[in-house]
């Protein structure tokens, strides 16, 4: 069976979380999250409104580091 011709061009959609949601998921204080953002430990998306969103992939990456002790 041949692959679908458009499959590789289809965009992948990722869920984005508010900083408050990330703090709850990671069980960290909001000050810790902002330190991580400013220090480049976690990637954020800044919206035109100035608000920040964190991609789900970043949350999974951080959780993986904690799980594996990195």
Foldseek 3Di string as FASTA:
>chain_A
DDDDPCVVVDDDDWDWAFLVVLCVVVVHDSVVVVVCPVVVVFDWDQDPVRGIIGTPVRSVVVVVCVVVVD
